[in-house]
Amino acid sequence: MIGSVVTEVHVPPDVIGYVAEVSAVLIGVRPDLIGVYLHGSAVLGGFNADRSDVDVLAVVAEQGTEGDQQALGEAVVETTSRCPGTGLEMSVITAATAADVGSCPFEVHIRTSATETAVIPGAGHAGDGDLVLHCAVCRDHALAAWGPPAYEVFAPVPADRVRAAMVSELRWALDHASATYAVLNACRALRFAADGQLCSKLDGGRWYQDLHGNHAVVTAAIARQHDGLPGPTAPAATAFVAAASDRLAGRGAHADDV
């Protein structure tokens, strides 16, 4: 069973208020709504309104048509001008997916930022592998903005699936994410590999520092994420994440070598 990191996290009131607004919209559009769950840095720790988005996962009883999915996404988008942080990252899934992520089908995915607004209906889509980690985090840490506690809705996700999803995300991060995101995400993944604990990216970085001392690349990533200071260079971050990926994929690198 996946472990959980039990910490006292102060969830920003404006984030709670915003997710309550999203819940009210969802109730109006989908009468079969089961629950709305806040996850990510807002509940794991490390939320910074200047650098963090708001992560939400909602669960409905049944699959809708593509038109239903599009309408649901567009209704949520209407709220996003009031979203705290850098934007909203949200998926809606069915109860069947919450109980068994399987091939990761979804109803709709909504992604907004200062430069992007995307509504992606799930009909005809191959699935979203990110749901493996999202469901795992929700199971142990999510705050229910509406509906029953998350552990009543989300089944445990097998540890091997979480580990595989983390390896996949690190590959993506090397090509698409910031150096800071990639490094701290690697630290979080290494912690999971070491003790089965799911934690925030910042807590993953701090765990790595506690274990290995004042590692320059990780120190720079923490300083960037927490205080907005200059982060690690791209080459240093790439080397660190590549070594972490090898460790997670079982290709011989050891955590002490990263």
Foldseek 3Di string as FASTA:
>chain_A
DFDEDDDDADQDPLQLVLQLVLVVLCCVLAVQWAFKWWFACSFQPLDDQAADFTEMETEGADADDLVSLQVSQVSSVVSFVSGGHFTYWYFYAYLVCLAPVVQAATQWTWTDGPVDTDIGGRVPPRHDLVVLVVSQRQCHTIDTSDHDRSVVRHPHRDLVSVLVSLLVVLVVCLPPNDLLVNQLSLLQSVVCVVPSYHHHSLVSLVVLCVVANDDPQSVQSNCCSRPVDHHDDSVVSNVNSVLSSCCSVVVPRDSNND
